[in-house]
Amino acid sequence: MSMNQDLRIENRDTLHLKVCNVIREAIIRGDFKPGERLKQSDLAEKMGVSRMPVREAFRKLESEGLIKLEPHKGAVVKSISIKDIEEIYALRSELEKMAVYQSVDFLTDDDITQLSSLVEEMEKADDADTFVQYNIDFHRLLVKRCNWERLNSFIGTLWNGLPQQTPHLLTGQIETSNTEHRKILEAVVKKDKETAANIVSEHIYRTGESLIESLKKEGK
């Protein structure tokens, strides 16, 4: 990636998360190549921030499997391919379907109230960063009452494998997701676990397909 690109971040709220988003998107889009070394000082200068939020972003990106922090080298970009994305979203589609099916019957009134609030917050969100955080909370709460520990562990691994940042990458993703989230909530309120699970599965699979199509168009 050319370091002449303007990466400056003007909004200082949750700064390290915004730094993380910029770097993550560049990695997923292929702007930073596998094996490429990311220098804290260069990125901090181009984004107009100090090294601290870049350092914090590196730790988060390592936990997501997008970079590796190596002694004497710093942050090195790991390989991520269309096949990786396809596998992760296909697995999420099936496993979260199972988890939602197991969870819905045990969601409490408070859980459902929180889900409703999260849907409303996502519909009101005026930026992608805000939407993403509510979206993560929504998906976590949906499977909260699933008591299959191995299934929960598998899902957690997949969430770390590729983060839920597609609104930054796909035009119209927020609007489409909001429609789907509202349908999921309606099924949950009715305790219709089969419908809720199926919509979640289709929602995740559709997102993965859209992301793959977008990356292919860009020649990743």
C-alpha atoms as a PDB file:
ATOM      1  CA  MET A   1       0.000   0.000   0.000  1.00  0.00           C
ATOM      2  CA  SER A   2       1.334   3.424  -0.877  1.00  0.00           C
ATOM      3  CA  MET A   3       2.151   5.353   2.260  1.00  0.00           C
ATOM      4  CA  ASN A   4       1.195   8.530   0.369  1.00  0.00           C
ATOM      5  CA  GLN A   5      -2.461   7.610   0.830  1.00  0.00           C
ATOM      6  CA  ASP A   6      -4.340   9.948   3.171  1.00  0.00           C
ATOM      7  CA  LEU A   7      -5.336   7.914   6.219  1.00  0.00           C
ATOM      8  CA  ARG A   8      -5.903  10.848   8.550  1.00  0.00           C
ATOM      9  CA  ILE A   9      -8.562  10.307  11.223  1.00  0.00           C
ATOM     10  CA  GLU A  10     -10.331  13.453  12.366  1.00  0.00           C
ATOM     11  CA  ASN A  11     -12.839  12.084  14.893  1.00  0.00           C
ATOM     12  CA  ARG A  12     -10.927  11.278  18.061  1.00  0.00           C
ATOM     13  CA  ASP A  13     -13.677   9.235  19.765  1.00  0.00           C
ATOM     14  CA  THR A  14     -12.682   5.618  20.440  1.00  0.00           C
ATOM     15  CA  LEU A  15      -9.519   6.434  18.538  1.00  0.00           C
ATOM     16  CA  HIS A  16      -7.783   3.061  18.657  1.00  0.00           C
ATOM     17  CA  LEU A  17     -10.943   1.374  17.310  1.00  0.00           C
ATOM     18  CA  LYS A  18     -11.054   3.787  14.382  1.00  0.00           C
ATOM     19  CA  VAL A  19      -7.355   3.200  13.719  1.00  0.00           C
ATOM     20  CA  CYS A  20      -8.033  -0.515  13.907  1.00  0.00           C
ATOM     21  CA  ASN A  21     -10.887  -0.203  11.402  1.00  0.00           C
ATOM     22  CA  VAL A  22      -8.738   1.654   8.872  1.00  0.00           C
ATOM     23  CA  ILE A  23      -5.935  -0.902   9.036  1.00  0.00           C
ATOM     24  CA  ARG A  24      -8.337  -3.860   9.052  1.00  0.00           C
ATOM     25  CA  GLU A  25     -10.151  -2.633   5.956  1.00  0.00           C
ATOM     26  CA  ALA A  26      -6.842  -2.140   4.146  1.00  0.00           C
ATOM     27  CA  ILE A  27      -5.800  -5.711   5.005  1.00  0.00           C
ATOM     28  CA  ILE A  28      -9.116  -7.260   3.953  1.00  0.00           C
ATOM     29  CA  ARG A  29      -9.135  -5.266   0.724  1.00  0.00           C
ATOM     30  CA  GLY A  30      -5.582  -6.407  -0.032  1.00  0.00           C
ATOM     31  CA  ASP A  31      -4.029  -2.928   0.166  1.00  0.00           C
ATOM     32  CA  PHE A  32      -1.573  -4.330   2.689  1.00  0.00           C
ATOM     33  CA  LYS A  33      -0.079  -7.527   1.303  1.00  0.00           C
ATOM     34  CA  PRO A  34       0.626 -10.799   3.178  1.00  0.00           C
ATOM     35  CA  GLY A  35       4.081 -10.614   4.704  1.00  0.00           C
ATOM     36  CA  GLU A  36       4.154  -6.822   4.554  1.00  0.00           C
ATOM     37  CA  ARG A  37       5.542  -5.127   7.638  1.00  0.00           C
ATOM     38  CA  LEU A  38       3.395  -2.410   9.197  1.00  0.00           C
ATOM     39  CA  LYS A  39       5.364   0.335  10.913  1.00  0.00           C
ATOM     40  CA  GLN A  40       3.767   2.077  13.869  1.00  0.00           C
ATOM     41  CA  SER A  41       5.537   5.356  13.152  1.00  0.00           C
ATOM     42  CA  ASP A  42       4.517   5.486   9.474  1.00  0.00           C
ATOM     43  CA  LEU A  43       0.887   4.621  10.158  1.00  0.00           C
ATOM     44  CA  ALA A  44       0.663   7.040  13.093  1.00  0.00           C
ATOM     45  CA  GLU A  45       2.021   9.867  10.929  1.00  0.00           C
ATOM     46  CA  LYS A  46      -0.311   9.141   8.005  1.00  0.00           C
ATOM     47  CA  MET A  47      -3.357   8.933  10.292  1.00  0.00           C
ATOM     48  CA  GLY A  48      -2.448  11.980  12.311  1.00  0.00           C
ATOM     49  CA  VAL A  49      -2.356  10.113  15.622  1.00  0.00           C
ATOM     50  CA  SER A  50       0.222   9.099  18.201  1.00  0.00           C
ATOM     51  CA  ARG A  51       1.764   5.628  18.259  1.00  0.00           C
ATOM     52  CA  MET A  52      -0.339   4.487  21.223  1.00  0.00           C
ATOM     53  CA  PRO A  53      -3.653   3.925  19.354  1.00  0.00           C
ATOM     54  CA  VAL A  54      -1.726   2.203  16.552  1.00  0.00           C
ATOM     55  CA  ARG A  55      -0.070  -0.087  19.099  1.00  0.00           C
ATOM     56  CA  GLU A  56      -3.476  -0.891  20.651  1.00  0.00           C
ATOM     57  CA  ALA A  57      -4.927  -1.520  17.187  1.00  0.00           C
ATOM     58  CA  PHE A  58      -2.100  -3.959  16.419  1.00  0.00           C
ATOM     59  CA  ARG A  59      -2.936  -6.012  19.525  1.00  0.00           C
ATOM     60  CA  LYS A  60      -6.597  -6.228  18.496  1.00  0.00           C
ATOM     61  CA  LEU A  61      -5.753  -7.123  14.902  1.00  0.00           C
ATOM     62  CA  GLU A  62      -3.433  -9.877  16.122  1.00  0.00           C
ATOM     63  CA  SER A  63      -6.267 -11.344  18.224  1.00  0.00           C
ATOM     64  CA  GLU A  64      -8.405 -11.332  15.063  1.00  0.00           C
ATOM     65  CA  GLY A  65      -5.755 -13.250  13.148  1.00  0.00           C
ATOM     66  CA  LEU A  66      -5.067 -10.503  10.621  1.00  0.00           C
ATOM     67  CA  ILE A  67      -1.504  -9.691  11.670  1.00  0.00           C
ATOM     68  CA  LYS A  68       1.273 -11.325  13.640  1.00  0.00           C
ATOM     69  CA  LEU A  69       3.468  -9.431  16.084  1.00  0.00           C
ATOM     70  CA  GLU A  70       6.983 -10.771  15.620  1.00  0.00           C
ATOM     71  CA  PRO A  71      10.085  -9.964  17.708  1.00  0.00           C
ATOM     72  CA  HIS A  72      12.374  -7.444  15.986  1.00  0.00           C
ATOM     73  CA  LYS A  73       9.947  -7.152  13.048  1.00  0.00           C
ATOM     74  CA  GLY A  74       6.815  -5.700  14.582  1.00  0.00           C
ATOM     75  CA  ALA A  75       3.470  -6.232  12.887  1.00  0.00           C
ATOM     76  CA  VAL A  76       3.432  -8.469   9.830  1.00  0.00           C
ATOM     77  CA  VAL A  77       0.295  -8.965   7.712  1.00  0.00           C
ATOM     78  CA  LYS A  78      -0.999 -12.533   7.614  1.00  0.00           C
ATOM     79  CA  SER A  79      -2.519 -14.096   4.548  1.00  0.00           C
ATOM     80  CA  ILE A  80      -6.298 -13.923   4.161  1.00  0.00           C
ATOM     81  CA  SER A  81      -7.974 -15.168   1.001  1.00  0.00           C
ATOM     82  CA  ILE A  82     -11.419 -15.372  -0.568  1.00  0.00           C
ATOM     83  CA  LYS A  83     -11.429 -19.032   0.492  1.00  0.00           C
ATOM     84  CA  ASP A  84     -10.807 -18.026   4.113  1.00  0.00           C
ATOM     85  CA  ILE A  85     -13.718 -15.577   4.033  1.00  0.00           C
ATOM     86  CA  GLU A  86     -15.983 -18.108   2.317  1.00  0.00           C
ATOM     87  CA  GLU A  87     -15.165 -20.771   4.919  1.00  0.00           C
ATOM     88  CA  ILE A  88     -15.618 -18.488   7.914  1.00  0.00           C
ATOM     89  CA  TYR A  89     -18.985 -17.147   6.802  1.00  0.00           C
ATOM     90  CA  ALA A  90     -20.277 -20.584   5.781  1.00  0.00           C
ATOM     91  CA  LEU A  91     -19.342 -21.967   9.191  1.00  0.00           C
ATOM     92  CA  ARG A  92     -20.794 -18.970  11.022  1.00  0.00           C
ATOM     93  CA  SER A  93     -24.012 -19.346   9.047  1.00  0.00           C
ATOM     94  CA  GLU A  94     -24.492 -22.922  10.207  1.00  0.00           C
ATOM     95  CA  LEU A  95     -23.105 -22.712  13.735  1.00  0.00           C
ATOM     96  CA  GLU A  96     -24.897 -19.511  14.736  1.00  0.00           C
ATOM     97  CA  LYS A  97     -28.096 -20.997  13.325  1.00  0.00           C
ATOM     98  CA  MET A  98     -27.663 -23.890  15.751  1.00  0.00           C
ATOM     99  CA  ALA A  99     -26.794 -21.578  18.649  1.00  0.00           C
ATOM    100  CA  VAL A 100     -29.782 -19.283  18.081  1.00  0.00           C
ATOM    101  CA  TYR A 101     -32.077 -22.321  17.900  1.00  0.00           C
ATOM    102  CA  GLN A 102     -30.705 -23.490  21.264  1.00  0.00           C
ATOM    103  CA  SER A 103     -30.845 -20.006  22.791  1.00  0.00           C
ATOM    104  CA  VAL A 104     -34.234 -18.529  21.877  1.00  0.00           C
ATOM    105  CA  ASP A 105     -36.376 -20.544  24.310  1.00  0.00           C
ATOM    106  CA  PHE A 106     -34.195 -19.393  27.210  1.00  0.00           C
ATOM    107  CA  LEU A 107     -33.906 -15.701  26.374  1.00  0.00           C
ATOM    108  CA  THR A 108     -35.373 -13.699  29.246  1.00  0.00           C
ATOM    109  CA  ASP A 109     -37.710 -10.723  29.008  1.00  0.00           C
ATOM    110  CA  ASP A 110     -34.712  -8.515  29.804  1.00  0.00           C
ATOM    111  CA  ASP A 111     -32.721 -10.147  26.996  1.00  0.00           C
ATOM    112  CA  ILE A 112     -35.519  -9.464  24.519  1.00  0.00           C
ATOM    113  CA  THR A 113     -35.826  -5.873  25.719  1.00  0.00           C
ATOM    114  CA  GLN A 114     -32.097  -5.431  25.156  1.00  0.00           C
ATOM    115  CA  LEU A 115     -32.346  -6.988  21.690  1.00  0.00           C
ATOM    116  CA  SER A 116     -35.158  -4.574  20.839  1.00  0.00           C
ATOM    117  CA  SER A 117     -33.092  -1.637  22.079  1.00  0.00           C
ATOM    118  CA  LEU A 118     -30.097  -2.770  20.016  1.00  0.00           C
ATOM    119  CA  VAL A 119     -32.232  -3.007  16.876  1.00  0.00           C
ATOM    120  CA  GLU A 120     -33.493   0.528  17.492  1.00  0.00           C
ATOM    121  CA  GLU A 121     -29.954   1.806  18.090  1.00  0.00           C
ATOM    122  CA  MET A 122     -28.728   0.160  14.866  1.00  0.00           C
ATOM    123  CA  GLU A 123     -31.589   1.793  12.950  1.00  0.00           C
ATOM    124  CA  LYS A 124     -30.631   5.190  14.409  1.00  0.00           C
ATOM    125  CA  ALA A 125     -26.858   4.772  13.989  1.00  0.00           C
ATOM    126  CA  ASP A 126     -25.412   7.540  11.832  1.00  0.00           C
ATOM    127  CA  ASP A 127     -21.979   6.025  11.306  1.00  0.00           C
ATOM    128  CA  ALA A 128     -20.590   2.573  10.563  1.00  0.00           C
ATOM    129  CA  ASP A 129     -18.469   2.323  13.729  1.00  0.00           C
ATOM    130  CA  THR A 130     -21.504   2.794  15.984  1.00  0.00           C
ATOM    131  CA  PHE A 131     -23.555   0.330  13.957  1.00  0.00           C
ATOM    132  CA  VAL A 132     -20.805  -2.315  14.085  1.00  0.00           C
ATOM    133  CA  GLN A 133     -20.608  -2.269  17.881  1.00  0.00           C
ATOM    134  CA  TYR A 134     -24.383  -2.591  18.291  1.00  0.00           C
ATOM    135  CA  ASN A 135     -24.371  -5.346  15.649  1.00  0.00           C
ATOM    136  CA  ILE A 136     -21.737  -7.316  17.555  1.00  0.00           C
ATOM    137  CA  ASP A 137     -23.734  -6.921  20.782  1.00  0.00           C
ATOM    138  CA  PHE A 138     -26.916  -8.048  19.000  1.00  0.00           C
ATOM    139  CA  HIS A 139     -25.359 -11.243  17.629  1.00  0.00           C
ATOM    140  CA  ARG A 140     -23.741 -12.069  20.974  1.00  0.00           C
ATOM    141  CA  LEU A 141     -26.996 -11.604  22.843  1.00  0.00           C
ATOM    142  CA  LEU A 142     -28.890 -13.793  20.376  1.00  0.00           C
ATOM    143  CA  VAL A 143     -26.735 -16.795  21.312  1.00  0.00           C
ATOM    144  CA  LYS A 144     -26.234 -15.855  24.958  1.00  0.00           C
ATOM    145  CA  ARG A 145     -28.541 -18.558  26.337  1.00  0.00           C
ATOM    146  CA  CYS A 146     -27.124 -21.379  24.233  1.00  0.00           C
ATOM    147  CA  ASN A 147     -25.697 -23.851  26.760  1.00  0.00           C
ATOM    148  CA  TRP A 148     -23.649 -25.899  24.305  1.00  0.00           C
ATOM    149  CA  GLU A 149     -20.177 -24.848  25.439  1.00  0.00           C
ATOM    150  CA  ARG A 150     -18.269 -26.368  22.517  1.00  0.00           C
ATOM    151  CA  LEU A 151     -20.565 -24.662  20.024  1.00  0.00           C
ATOM    152  CA  ASN A 152     -20.080 -21.325  21.773  1.00  0.00           C
ATOM    153  CA  SER A 153     -16.319 -21.850  21.696  1.00  0.00           C
ATOM    154  CA  PHE A 154     -16.347 -22.591  17.961  1.00  0.00           C
ATOM    155  CA  ILE A 155     -18.390 -19.462  17.271  1.00  0.00           C
ATOM    156  CA  GLY A 156     -16.028 -17.344  19.381  1.00  0.00           C
ATOM    157  CA  THR A 157     -13.085 -18.609  17.353  1.00  0.00           C
ATOM    158  CA  LEU A 158     -14.820 -17.685  14.101  1.00  0.00           C
ATOM    159  CA  TRP A 159     -15.670 -14.219  15.396  1.00  0.00           C
ATOM    160  CA  ASN A 160     -11.979 -13.704  16.093  1.00  0.00           C
ATOM    161  CA  GLY A 161     -11.066 -15.159  12.709  1.00  0.00           C
ATOM    162  CA  LEU A 162     -12.714 -12.384  10.724  1.00  0.00           C
ATOM    163  CA  PRO A 163     -14.369  -9.420  12.431  1.00  0.00           C
ATOM    164  CA  GLN A 164     -17.866  -8.127  11.709  1.00  0.00           C
ATOM    165  CA  GLN A 165     -16.783  -4.954   9.927  1.00  0.00           C
ATOM    166  CA  THR A 166     -18.650  -5.402   6.649  1.00  0.00           C
ATOM    167  CA  PRO A 167     -20.575  -2.075   6.888  1.00  0.00           C
ATOM    168  CA  HIS A 168     -17.224  -0.369   6.297  1.00  0.00           C
ATOM    169  CA  LEU A 169     -16.730  -2.423   3.140  1.00  0.00           C
ATOM    170  CA  LEU A 170     -20.189  -2.879   1.591  1.00  0.00           C
ATOM    171  CA  THR A 171     -22.450  -0.122   0.317  1.00  0.00           C
ATOM    172  CA  GLY A 172     -25.994  -0.507   1.640  1.00  0.00           C
ATOM    173  CA  GLN A 173     -25.013  -3.152   4.190  1.00  0.00           C
ATOM    174  CA  ILE A 174     -26.436  -1.223   7.155  1.00  0.00           C
ATOM    175  CA  GLU A 175     -29.865  -0.777   5.572  1.00  0.00           C
ATOM    176  CA  THR A 176     -30.101  -4.427   4.493  1.00  0.00           C
ATOM    177  CA  SER A 177     -28.915  -5.683   7.878  1.00  0.00           C
ATOM    178  CA  ASN A 178     -31.399  -3.492   9.737  1.00  0.00           C
ATOM    179  CA  THR A 179     -34.276  -5.061   7.787  1.00  0.00           C
ATOM    180  CA  GLU A 180     -32.988  -8.550   8.595  1.00  0.00           C
ATOM    181  CA  HIS A 181     -32.369  -7.715  12.262  1.00  0.00           C
ATOM    182  CA  ARG A 182     -35.958  -6.494  12.621  1.00  0.00           C
ATOM    183  CA  LYS A 183     -37.231  -9.818  11.198  1.00  0.00           C
ATOM    184  CA  ILE A 184     -34.984 -11.770  13.577  1.00  0.00           C
ATOM    185  CA  LEU A 185     -36.313  -9.767  16.537  1.00  0.00           C
ATOM    186  CA  GLU A 186     -39.916 -10.395  15.503  1.00  0.00           C
ATOM    187  CA  ALA A 187     -39.273 -14.146  15.442  1.00  0.00           C
ATOM    188  CA  VAL A 188     -37.524 -14.040  18.817  1.00  0.00           C
ATOM    189  CA  VAL A 189     -40.402 -12.128  20.407  1.00  0.00           C
ATOM    190  CA  LYS A 190     -42.751 -14.870  19.166  1.00  0.00           C
ATOM    191  CA  LYS A 191     -40.329 -17.505  20.510  1.00  0.00           C
ATOM    192  CA  ASP A 192     -40.234 -18.900  16.973  1.00  0.00           C
ATOM    193  CA  LYS A 193     -36.765 -20.360  17.280  1.00  0.00           C
ATOM    194  CA  GLU A 194     -36.789 -22.099  13.903  1.00  0.00           C
ATOM    195  CA  THR A 195     -37.600 -18.927  11.984  1.00  0.00           C
ATOM    196  CA  ALA A 196     -35.145 -16.858  14.019  1.00  0.00           C
ATOM    197  CA  ALA A 197     -32.375 -19.399  13.451  1.00  0.00           C
ATOM    198  CA  ASN A 198     -33.069 -19.605   9.712  1.00  0.00           C
ATOM    199  CA  ILE A 199     -33.085 -15.830   9.244  1.00  0.00           C
ATOM    200  CA  VAL A 200     -29.808 -15.502  11.180  1.00  0.00           C
ATOM    201  CA  SER A 201     -28.263 -18.173   8.976  1.00  0.00           C
ATOM    202  CA  GLU A 202     -29.435 -16.488   5.755  1.00  0.00           C
ATOM    203  CA  HIS A 203     -28.350 -13.073   7.091  1.00  0.00           C
ATOM    204  CA  ILE A 204     -24.783 -14.244   7.765  1.00  0.00           C
ATOM    205  CA  TYR A 205     -24.486 -16.220   4.523  1.00  0.00           C
ATOM    206  CA  ARG A 206     -25.797 -13.291   2.460  1.00  0.00           C
ATOM    207  CA  THR A 207     -23.269 -10.963   4.101  1.00  0.00           C
ATOM    208  CA  GLY A 208     -20.412 -13.343   3.315  1.00  0.00           C
ATOM    209  CA  GLU A 209     -21.489 -13.682  -0.309  1.00  0.00           C
ATOM    210  CA  SER A 210     -21.739  -9.889  -0.678  1.00  0.00           C
ATOM    211  CA  LEU A 211     -18.282  -9.404   0.829  1.00  0.00           C
ATOM    212  CA  ILE A 212     -16.743 -12.025  -1.464  1.00  0.00           C
ATOM    213  CA  GLU A 213     -18.403 -10.496  -4.531  1.00  0.00           C
ATOM    214  CA  SER A 214     -17.167  -7.026  -3.563  1.00  0.00           C
ATOM    215  CA  LEU A 215     -13.589  -8.230  -3.048  1.00  0.00           C
ATOM    216  CA  LYS A 216     -13.604 -10.153  -6.330  1.00  0.00           C
ATOM    217  CA  LYS A 217     -14.671  -6.994  -8.178  1.00  0.00           C
ATOM    218  CA  GLU A 218     -11.696  -5.219  -6.669  1.00  0.00           C
ATOM    219  CA  GLY A 219      -9.419  -8.009  -7.865  1.00  0.00           C
ATOM    220  CA  LYS A 220      -8.362  -9.298  -4.451  1.00  0.00           C
END
